[in-house]
Amino acid sequence: MAKTVLKGGLVIDPANKIEQVADVLIEDGKIARIEANIDCEATEDMEVIDVSGKVVAPGLVDIHAHLRDPGFPEREDFKSSTRCAAMGGYTTLIAMPNTDPVCDHPVVAEYVISKGNRVGIVNILPFGAITKGQKGQELAPFVELVEAGCVAFSDDGQPVTNSGLMREALIKAKALNKVLAVHCEDRTITGDGIINDGEVSRRLGLKGIPYTSEAVMVARDILLAEETGGQVHICHVGCARSVELIREGKKRGIAVSGEVIPAYLNNTDEDLQTLDARFKIKPPFGSKKDQEALKEGLVDGTIEVIATDHAPYNIVDKKDFFTAPFGLIALETSLSVVLTEMVHSGLLSMSEAIAKMSYNPAKLIGLDKGTLGIGKDADIVVIDPDLEWQVNVNESESKSRNCPQHGRWLKGKAVLTMVAGKKVMQDGKILV
């Protein structure tokens, strides 16, 4: 019987309201005991790892990751994306469906699960598309996709512009007790804008994207969720008005949730002045006011989830700012950005931050992850909260290099990642 003891760390498990210095015993890939001073010594069948001064937490769960398989192996694949995940403390990834072919058919979902978990080193589960081909014209076969293993539905990257179809999707998803994770954008407002509409866009003479491009669709989807009773999750919330709308919706008892991507916490549209395509994302980086609103939303609970929106594009794709696609890579840096911007600043406790990156996203989609409960899978991240490090994208496990954190110093880092009790990353090195 394979055993591991993580000894002397600060164990934080928000799901079970645990925050104490303790040892964690892992047996056959499961959490067996969490107690102070477990009597143990290293043997052939028992590994003892000293984690004193570190935080032991549930493995992080990312419900917004573009893994690019099938269809775009030059950008990312299951091997490279899961190595990124392990480096960043993530043990479960929910793959967005904007692949080629789109995950709108059970065969594609089965492919993602089968190949993803054969090739990858962390858990992978798929989103099913809301509409066939993500074209916004006809609903995908929800029942069949759920039976094939899809955990929720999304057309992320594409807004569902047909309100009647979105309403129908909410009704059908509710019947299956599933969430719709939506990309809120009115492209008749976005037009050919490429950065946030504001002082910076005017200074640079660039066409801006008004905040209403996002907020109008957020308002619509909240209203549709109210009327249908369906559950809507707003992906990559980017502006202050959207935070306000979600807050108002929650107060009215509507089943709406939202996520912030960590890059919004330490980037604003001011970073676009160099026209570096690493900072070209959608929704675009907003103003300092938008950033403050996003942080406030995390603090007061309006925003329950932190997700990465890891969206790799290779160097050629991102070479020219004006023609480059929107997107960034973030799996390796997200935890560190959150610790730097939210925890070390005193805005969130360590437990609150961990909840938003593990238990909350898992709970939202009905996944039995993000907890250190006895008998649960030993998906674990050990964090050195005080480790200061400089991001060097050239050392990334990703096939792509579109990282807006490159060159920055961050404080706090995953130093050990375990999946089902197996070490997959330790001290910055992939072990499998």
Protein backbone atom coordinates (compact mmCIF):
# COMPACT_ATOMS: atom_id res chain seq x y z
CA MET A 1 0.00 0.00 0.00
CA ALA A 2 1.64 3.25 -1.19
CA LYS A 3 1.61 5.96 1.45
CA THR A 4 2.75 9.56 1.62
CA VAL A 5 2.70 11.97 4.54
CA LEU A 6 2.84 15.71 3.99
CA LYS A 7 4.23 16.81 7.33
CA GLY A 8 3.85 20.05 9.22
CA GLY A 9 2.14 22.29 6.68
CA LEU A 10 -0.71 24.74 7.14
CA VAL A 11 -3.61 22.68 5.84
CA ILE A 12 -6.33 24.83 4.26
CA ASP A 13 -9.49 23.12 3.06
CA PRO A 14 -12.29 25.69 2.63
CA ALA A 15 -14.89 23.02 1.85
CA ASN A 16 -14.45 21.49 5.30
CA LYS A 17 -13.51 24.73 7.09
CA ILE A 18 -10.06 23.43 7.97
CA GLU A 19 -7.18 25.82 8.55
CA GLN A 20 -4.60 24.34 10.88
CA VAL A 21 -1.04 23.08 11.02
CA ALA A 22 -1.33 19.35 10.53
CA ASP A 23 -0.04 16.29 8.70
CA VAL A 24 -1.84 14.78 5.72
CA LEU A 25 -1.71 11.03 5.19
CA ILE A 26 -2.32 9.79 1.66
CA GLU A 27 -3.03 6.12 1.00
CA ASP A 28 -3.62 4.64 -2.45
CA GLY A 29 -4.32 8.00 -3.99
CA LYS A 30 -6.88 9.10 -1.38
CA ILE A 31 -6.85 11.43 1.62
CA ALA A 32 -6.70 9.06 4.60
CA ARG A 33 -6.08 11.29 7.64
CA ILE A 34 -5.53 14.93 8.52
CA GLU A 35 -4.16 15.17 12.04
CA ALA A 36 -1.44 16.85 14.03
CA ASN A 37 1.74 14.85 14.50
CA ILE A 38 0.93 11.65 12.64
CA ASP A 39 3.46 9.07 13.83
CA CYS A 40 5.45 8.12 10.75
CA GLU A 41 8.93 7.60 9.40
CA ALA A 42 10.21 7.24 5.86
CA THR A 43 10.35 3.63 4.65
CA GLU A 44 10.24 1.83 1.32
CA ASP A 45 6.43 2.04 1.45
CA MET A 46 6.11 5.46 3.09
CA GLU A 47 7.36 8.80 1.77
CA VAL A 48 7.48 11.65 4.25
CA ILE A 49 7.66 15.15 2.78
CA ASP A 50 8.45 18.08 5.05
CA VAL A 51 6.10 20.92 4.11
CA SER A 52 6.56 23.05 7.21
CA GLY A 53 6.16 26.72 6.41
CA LYS A 54 4.09 25.82 3.36
CA VAL A 55 0.35 25.74 2.65
CA VAL A 56 -1.28 22.40 1.80
CA ALA A 57 -4.46 22.94 -0.20
CA PRO A 58 -6.82 21.17 -2.59
CA GLY A 59 -5.49 21.01 -6.12
CA LEU A 60 -6.71 23.97 -8.13
CA VAL A 61 -9.62 23.55 -10.55
CA ASP A 62 -9.68 25.64 -13.72
CA ILE A 63 -13.08 25.82 -15.39
CA HIS A 64 -11.86 27.95 -18.28
CA ALA A 65 -8.95 26.47 -20.24
CA HIS A 66 -8.38 26.26 -23.98
CA LEU A 67 -6.32 23.11 -24.50
CA ARG A 68 -6.37 23.29 -28.33
CA ASP A 69 -6.87 19.56 -28.88
CA PRO A 70 -8.29 18.47 -31.25
CA GLY A 71 -7.26 20.78 -34.05
CA PHE A 72 -4.47 23.17 -33.05
CA PRO A 73 -1.38 21.19 -31.97
CA GLU A 74 0.96 24.03 -32.92
CA ARG A 75 -0.58 26.14 -30.12
CA GLU A 76 -0.99 23.58 -27.32
CA ASP A 77 -1.89 19.95 -26.68
CA PHE A 78 -2.90 17.80 -23.75
CA LYS A 79 0.69 17.09 -22.76
CA SER A 80 1.91 20.69 -22.79
CA SER A 81 -1.25 22.16 -21.25
CA THR A 82 -1.30 19.72 -18.35
CA ARG A 83 2.39 20.27 -17.69
CA CYS A 84 1.57 23.98 -17.46
CA ALA A 85 -1.26 23.11 -15.09
CA ALA A 86 0.97 21.05 -12.83
CA MET A 87 3.54 23.85 -12.68
CA GLY A 88 0.81 26.23 -11.54
CA GLY A 89 -0.83 23.95 -8.96
CA TYR A 90 -3.84 22.94 -11.08
CA THR A 91 -4.98 19.34 -10.88
CA THR A 92 -8.20 19.58 -12.90
CA LEU A 93 -8.85 21.39 -16.18
CA ILE A 94 -12.21 21.85 -17.87
CA ALA A 95 -11.50 22.10 -21.59
CA MET A 96 -13.36 24.73 -23.59
CA PRO A 97 -15.10 23.37 -26.71
CA ASN A 98 -13.69 25.76 -29.34
CA THR A 99 -11.57 23.06 -30.94
CA ASP A 100 -11.61 21.61 -34.45
CA PRO A 101 -13.94 19.84 -34.56
CA VAL A 102 -15.97 21.69 -31.95
CA CYS A 103 -16.99 19.63 -28.91
CA ASP A 104 -20.62 19.53 -30.01
CA HIS A 105 -20.81 15.76 -30.50
CA PRO A 106 -20.36 12.88 -28.03
CA VAL A 107 -17.48 11.49 -30.08
CA VAL A 108 -15.44 14.67 -29.52
CA ALA A 109 -16.22 14.69 -25.79
CA GLU A 110 -15.16 11.06 -25.51
CA TYR A 111 -11.95 11.87 -27.40
CA VAL A 112 -11.10 14.70 -25.00
CA ILE A 113 -11.66 12.50 -21.96
CA SER A 114 -9.88 9.46 -23.36
CA LYS A 115 -6.83 11.11 -24.92
CA GLY A 116 -6.66 13.92 -22.39
CA ASN A 117 -6.39 11.61 -19.44
CA ARG A 118 -4.09 9.19 -21.25
CA VAL A 119 -1.61 11.83 -22.43
CA GLY A 120 -2.11 14.52 -19.79
CA ILE A 121 -0.74 14.51 -16.25
CA VAL A 122 -3.72 16.19 -14.55
CA ASN A 123 -7.47 15.54 -14.78
CA ILE A 124 -9.24 16.76 -17.94
CA LEU A 125 -12.98 17.02 -18.51
CA PRO A 126 -14.80 18.74 -21.38
CA PHE A 127 -17.30 21.51 -21.79
CA GLY A 128 -19.91 20.73 -24.40
CA ALA A 129 -20.76 23.45 -26.90
CA ILE A 130 -24.04 25.31 -26.45
CA THR A 131 -24.66 25.41 -30.20
CA LYS A 132 -23.63 23.19 -33.08
CA GLY A 133 -20.30 24.33 -34.44
CA GLN A 134 -20.52 27.26 -32.00
CA LYS A 135 -22.41 29.01 -34.79
CA GLY A 136 -25.28 30.19 -32.61
CA GLN A 137 -27.98 28.75 -34.87
CA GLU A 138 -28.99 25.37 -33.42
CA LEU A 139 -28.50 23.86 -29.98
CA ALA A 140 -26.00 21.06 -29.58
CA PRO A 141 -27.35 17.71 -28.28
CA PHE A 142 -27.16 18.45 -24.55
CA VAL A 143 -28.36 15.06 -23.28
CA GLU A 144 -25.91 13.09 -25.41
CA LEU A 145 -23.03 15.40 -24.46
CA VAL A 146 -23.74 14.94 -20.75
CA GLU A 147 -23.90 11.18 -21.21
CA ALA A 148 -20.49 11.37 -22.92
CA GLY A 149 -18.99 13.18 -19.92
CA CYS A 150 -19.44 16.92 -20.51
CA VAL A 151 -19.74 18.77 -17.20
CA ALA A 152 -21.29 22.03 -18.44
CA PHE A 153 -21.94 23.96 -21.65
CA SER A 154 -20.23 26.92 -23.26
CA ASP A 155 -19.69 28.60 -26.62
CA ASP A 156 -16.79 30.55 -25.13
CA GLY A 157 -15.09 32.71 -27.70
CA GLN A 158 -18.44 33.10 -29.43
CA PRO A 159 -21.46 34.89 -27.96
CA VAL A 160 -24.88 33.31 -28.37
CA THR A 161 -26.47 36.34 -30.01
CA ASN A 162 -29.90 34.79 -30.60
CA SER A 163 -31.78 35.55 -27.37
CA GLY A 164 -34.50 33.00 -28.06
CA LEU A 165 -31.91 30.29 -28.55
CA MET A 166 -30.09 31.33 -25.38
CA ARG A 167 -33.38 31.14 -23.48
CA GLU A 168 -34.00 27.65 -24.83
CA ALA A 169 -30.46 26.62 -23.87
CA LEU A 170 -30.99 27.78 -20.28
CA ILE A 171 -34.21 25.78 -20.04
CA LYS A 172 -32.61 22.61 -21.39
CA ALA A 173 -29.49 22.99 -19.26
CA LYS A 174 -31.63 23.48 -16.15
CA ALA A 175 -33.42 20.20 -16.85
CA LEU A 176 -30.02 18.51 -16.78
CA ASN A 177 -28.85 20.50 -13.73
CA LYS A 178 -26.01 21.97 -15.78
CA VAL A 179 -24.53 25.45 -16.03
CA LEU A 180 -24.15 27.62 -19.12
CA ALA A 181 -20.77 29.41 -19.09
CA VAL A 182 -21.13 32.34 -21.45
CA HIS A 183 -18.92 34.71 -23.40
CA CYS A 184 -20.76 38.01 -23.11
CA GLU A 185 -20.12 40.24 -26.09
CA ASP A 186 -22.35 42.22 -28.43
CA ARG A 187 -20.24 42.34 -31.56
CA THR A 188 -22.39 45.03 -33.12
CA ILE A 189 -20.94 47.22 -30.35
CA THR A 190 -17.43 45.73 -30.41
CA GLY A 191 -17.10 46.37 -34.12
CA ASP A 192 -13.43 46.42 -35.09
CA GLY A 193 -12.27 47.65 -31.68
CA ILE A 194 -9.08 46.11 -30.35
CA ILE A 195 -8.50 47.63 -26.88
CA ASN A 196 -10.65 49.12 -24.14
CA ASP A 197 -12.46 52.29 -25.15
CA GLY A 198 -11.04 54.99 -22.91
CA GLU A 199 -8.21 57.42 -22.38
CA VAL A 200 -5.56 55.01 -23.62
CA SER A 201 -7.36 54.12 -26.85
CA ARG A 202 -7.89 57.81 -27.59
CA ARG A 203 -4.28 58.63 -26.78
CA LEU A 204 -3.09 55.90 -29.16
CA GLY A 205 -5.67 56.71 -31.81
CA LEU A 206 -7.03 53.15 -31.73
CA LYS A 207 -10.62 51.99 -32.11
CA GLY A 208 -11.87 51.08 -28.66
CA ILE A 209 -14.24 48.41 -27.38
CA PRO A 210 -16.93 50.08 -25.21
CA TYR A 211 -17.73 48.44 -21.86
CA THR A 212 -21.32 48.07 -23.06
CA SER A 213 -20.16 45.42 -25.52
CA GLU A 214 -19.84 43.11 -22.51
CA ALA A 215 -22.36 44.59 -20.10
CA VAL A 216 -25.34 44.53 -22.50
CA MET A 217 -24.99 40.77 -22.92
CA VAL A 218 -24.40 40.23 -19.20
CA ALA A 219 -27.67 42.05 -18.49
CA ARG A 220 -29.53 40.02 -21.12
CA ASP A 221 -28.27 36.69 -19.83
CA ILE A 222 -29.07 37.56 -16.22
CA LEU A 223 -32.62 38.47 -17.25
CA LEU A 224 -32.99 35.21 -19.17
CA ALA A 225 -31.68 33.26 -16.17
CA GLU A 226 -34.21 35.05 -13.96
CA GLU A 227 -37.10 34.17 -16.25
CA THR A 228 -36.12 30.55 -16.91
CA GLY A 229 -34.58 29.62 -13.57
CA GLY A 230 -31.51 28.42 -15.43
CA GLN A 231 -27.99 28.92 -14.14
CA VAL A 232 -25.67 31.25 -16.03
CA HIS A 233 -21.96 31.73 -15.38
CA ILE A 234 -20.34 34.85 -16.81
CA CYS A 235 -16.88 34.03 -18.15
CA HIS A 236 -13.92 36.42 -17.85
CA VAL A 237 -15.80 39.38 -16.32
CA GLY A 238 -13.87 42.43 -17.46
CA CYS A 239 -15.62 45.67 -16.54
CA ALA A 240 -17.07 47.42 -13.50
CA ARG A 241 -20.61 47.53 -14.87
CA SER A 242 -20.70 43.76 -15.31
CA VAL A 243 -19.68 43.29 -11.68
CA GLU A 244 -22.53 45.58 -10.65
CA LEU A 245 -25.01 43.64 -12.78
CA ILE A 246 -23.94 40.30 -11.29
CA ARG A 247 -24.14 41.77 -7.79
CA GLU A 248 -27.65 43.07 -8.46
CA GLY A 249 -28.69 39.73 -9.94
CA LYS A 250 -27.49 37.82 -6.90
CA LYS A 251 -29.41 40.15 -4.60
CA ARG A 252 -32.54 39.28 -6.56
CA GLY A 253 -31.91 35.57 -6.09
CA ILE A 254 -31.00 34.87 -9.71
CA ALA A 255 -28.73 31.89 -10.40
CA VAL A 256 -25.84 33.92 -11.79
CA SER A 257 -22.13 33.59 -11.06
CA GLY A 258 -19.01 35.14 -12.50
CA GLU A 259 -15.30 34.61 -12.84
CA VAL A 260 -12.28 36.88 -12.94
CA ILE A 261 -9.07 35.90 -14.68
CA PRO A 262 -5.94 36.78 -12.68
CA ALA A 263 -4.40 38.82 -15.50
CA TYR A 264 -7.11 41.45 -14.95
CA LEU A 265 -5.81 41.90 -11.40
CA ASN A 266 -2.40 43.25 -12.36
CA ASN A 267 -2.91 44.59 -15.89
CA THR A 268 -4.92 47.55 -17.19
CA ASP A 269 -5.27 49.19 -20.58
CA GLU A 270 -2.19 51.26 -19.70
CA ASP A 271 -0.16 48.14 -20.51
CA LEU A 272 -1.31 48.35 -24.14
CA GLN A 273 0.72 51.48 -24.85
CA THR A 274 3.59 49.41 -26.23
CA LEU A 275 1.21 47.59 -28.61
CA ASP A 276 2.53 44.26 -27.36
CA ALA A 277 0.14 41.52 -28.50
CA ARG A 278 0.70 39.60 -25.25
CA PHE A 279 -1.70 42.13 -23.72
CA LYS A 280 -4.34 41.79 -26.44
CA ILE A 281 -7.22 39.86 -24.91
CA LYS A 282 -11.01 39.92 -24.91
CA PRO A 283 -12.71 41.37 -22.97
CA PRO A 284 -9.85 43.86 -23.13
CA PHE A 285 -7.88 44.99 -20.11
CA GLY A 286 -9.93 47.83 -18.67
CA SER A 287 -9.20 50.94 -16.68
CA LYS A 288 -7.90 51.12 -13.13
CA LYS A 289 -11.53 51.67 -12.09
CA ASP A 290 -12.52 48.39 -13.74
CA GLN A 291 -9.65 46.60 -12.03
CA GLU A 292 -10.67 47.95 -8.63
CA ALA A 293 -14.26 46.83 -9.25
CA LEU A 294 -13.11 43.31 -10.12
CA LYS A 295 -11.08 43.12 -6.92
CA GLU A 296 -14.02 44.45 -4.91
CA GLY A 297 -16.23 41.80 -6.51
CA LEU A 298 -13.83 39.09 -5.37
CA VAL A 299 -13.70 40.53 -1.86
CA ASP A 300 -17.45 40.87 -1.32
CA GLY A 301 -18.29 37.50 -2.90
CA THR A 302 -19.98 38.81 -6.02
CA ILE A 303 -17.32 36.97 -8.01
CA GLU A 304 -17.03 33.42 -6.70
CA VAL A 305 -14.56 31.93 -9.15
CA ILE A 306 -11.07 32.69 -10.40
CA ALA A 307 -10.29 30.99 -13.72
CA THR A 308 -7.33 31.30 -16.08
CA ASP A 309 -8.77 31.63 -19.61
CA HIS A 310 -5.53 29.98 -20.73
CA ALA A 311 -5.65 30.57 -24.50
CA PRO A 312 -2.37 29.75 -26.24
CA TYR A 313 -1.34 31.26 -29.57
CA ASN A 314 2.08 30.71 -31.07
CA ILE A 315 4.67 33.38 -31.75
CA VAL A 316 3.67 33.77 -35.40
CA ASP A 317 0.01 34.27 -34.46
CA LYS A 318 0.92 36.96 -31.94
CA LYS A 319 3.66 38.71 -33.90
CA ASP A 320 1.65 41.68 -35.18
CA PHE A 321 -0.56 43.51 -32.68
CA PHE A 322 -3.21 44.56 -35.17
CA THR A 323 -3.75 41.14 -36.73
CA ALA A 324 -3.03 39.01 -33.64
CA PRO A 325 -5.89 37.00 -32.12
CA PHE A 326 -7.10 37.79 -28.60
CA GLY A 327 -5.72 35.53 -25.85
CA LEU A 328 -3.07 34.79 -23.21
CA ILE A 329 -1.43 31.89 -21.40
CA ALA A 330 -1.91 31.80 -17.64
CA LEU A 331 -1.91 28.32 -16.08
CA GLU A 332 1.61 28.64 -14.69
CA THR A 333 1.19 32.15 -13.28
CA SER A 334 -2.43 32.50 -12.12
CA LEU A 335 -1.97 31.27 -8.55
CA SER A 336 1.04 33.53 -8.07
CA VAL A 337 -0.79 36.57 -9.44
CA VAL A 338 -3.70 35.96 -7.06
CA LEU A 339 -1.37 35.56 -4.09
CA THR A 340 0.53 38.71 -5.03
CA GLU A 341 -2.43 40.94 -5.82
CA MET A 342 -5.12 39.65 -3.47
CA VAL A 343 -3.58 37.74 -0.54
CA HIS A 344 -0.32 39.56 0.18
CA SER A 345 -2.20 42.83 -0.27
CA GLY A 346 -4.64 41.79 2.47
CA LEU A 347 -7.71 41.86 0.23
CA LEU A 348 -8.41 38.12 0.52
CA SER A 349 -7.36 35.54 3.08
CA MET A 350 -5.42 32.55 1.83
CA SER A 351 -8.49 30.39 2.48
CA GLU A 352 -10.75 32.70 0.46
CA ALA A 353 -8.35 32.72 -2.47
CA ILE A 354 -7.99 28.94 -2.44
CA ALA A 355 -11.77 28.50 -2.32
CA LYS A 356 -12.21 30.65 -5.42
CA MET A 357 -9.61 28.59 -7.28
CA SER A 358 -10.61 25.08 -6.16
CA TYR A 359 -13.79 24.31 -4.26
CA ASN A 360 -16.00 27.06 -5.70
CA PRO A 361 -15.39 26.27 -9.38
CA ALA A 362 -15.74 22.54 -8.72
CA LYS A 363 -18.99 23.06 -6.83
CA LEU A 364 -20.37 25.32 -9.57
CA ILE A 365 -20.19 22.55 -12.17
CA GLY A 366 -21.07 19.72 -9.78
CA LEU A 367 -17.59 18.20 -9.68
CA ASP A 368 -16.37 16.27 -6.64
CA LYS A 369 -13.03 18.06 -6.52
CA GLY A 370 -11.47 20.99 -4.69
CA THR A 371 -11.54 19.41 -1.24
CA LEU A 372 -9.25 17.52 1.12
CA GLY A 373 -12.10 15.52 2.60
CA ILE A 374 -11.28 12.08 3.99
CA GLY A 375 -11.66 9.49 1.25
CA LYS A 376 -11.45 12.06 -1.55
CA ASP A 377 -8.90 11.95 -4.35
CA ALA A 378 -5.54 13.23 -3.15
CA ASP A 379 -5.38 16.07 -5.66
CA ILE A 380 -3.18 18.50 -3.75
CA VAL A 381 -1.11 21.62 -4.20
CA VAL A 382 1.59 22.66 -1.75
CA ILE A 383 2.25 26.39 -1.89
CA ASP A 384 5.22 28.41 -0.71
CA PRO A 385 3.40 31.68 -0.03
CA ASP A 386 6.58 33.73 0.32
CA LEU A 387 8.63 32.45 -2.61
CA GLU A 388 9.45 35.39 -4.87
CA TRP A 389 10.13 34.59 -8.50
CA GLN A 390 10.40 36.32 -11.84
CA VAL A 391 8.26 35.06 -14.70
CA ASN A 392 10.28 33.98 -17.73
CA VAL A 393 8.00 32.85 -20.52
CA ASN A 394 10.92 31.19 -22.28
CA GLU A 395 10.93 28.61 -19.47
CA SER A 396 7.21 27.89 -19.86
CA GLU A 397 5.93 24.36 -20.45
CA SER A 398 3.49 25.82 -22.99
CA LYS A 399 4.02 25.62 -26.73
CA SER A 400 3.04 29.30 -26.87
CA ARG A 401 4.56 32.46 -25.43
CA ASN A 402 1.67 34.94 -25.14
CA CYS A 403 2.08 35.58 -21.41
CA PRO A 404 1.38 39.10 -20.09
CA GLN A 405 3.24 38.29 -16.85
CA HIS A 406 6.61 37.85 -18.56
CA GLY A 407 9.35 39.70 -16.68
CA ARG A 408 7.25 40.40 -13.60
CA TRP A 409 8.18 39.49 -10.05
CA LEU A 410 5.45 37.59 -8.20
CA LYS A 411 5.22 36.37 -4.62
CA GLY A 412 3.98 32.86 -3.88
CA LYS A 413 4.23 29.71 -5.95
CA ALA A 414 3.14 26.09 -6.18
CA VAL A 415 6.08 23.91 -5.16
CA LEU A 416 4.39 20.49 -5.20
CA THR A 417 1.43 19.23 -7.23
CA MET A 418 -0.11 15.81 -6.65
CA VAL A 419 -2.81 14.08 -8.68
CA ALA A 420 -4.49 11.10 -7.02
CA GLY A 421 -1.56 10.97 -4.60
CA LYS A 422 1.07 10.91 -7.34
CA LYS A 423 3.67 13.66 -7.48
CA VAL A 424 3.54 15.30 -10.90
CA MET A 425 5.53 18.46 -10.10
CA GLN A 426 7.98 19.23 -7.34
CA ASP A 427 10.21 22.27 -6.91
CA GLY A 428 9.65 23.50 -10.44
CA LYS A 429 10.29 20.17 -12.16
CA ILE A 430 7.79 17.93 -13.91
CA LEU A 431 8.22 14.40 -12.55
CA VAL A 432 6.18 12.33 -15.04
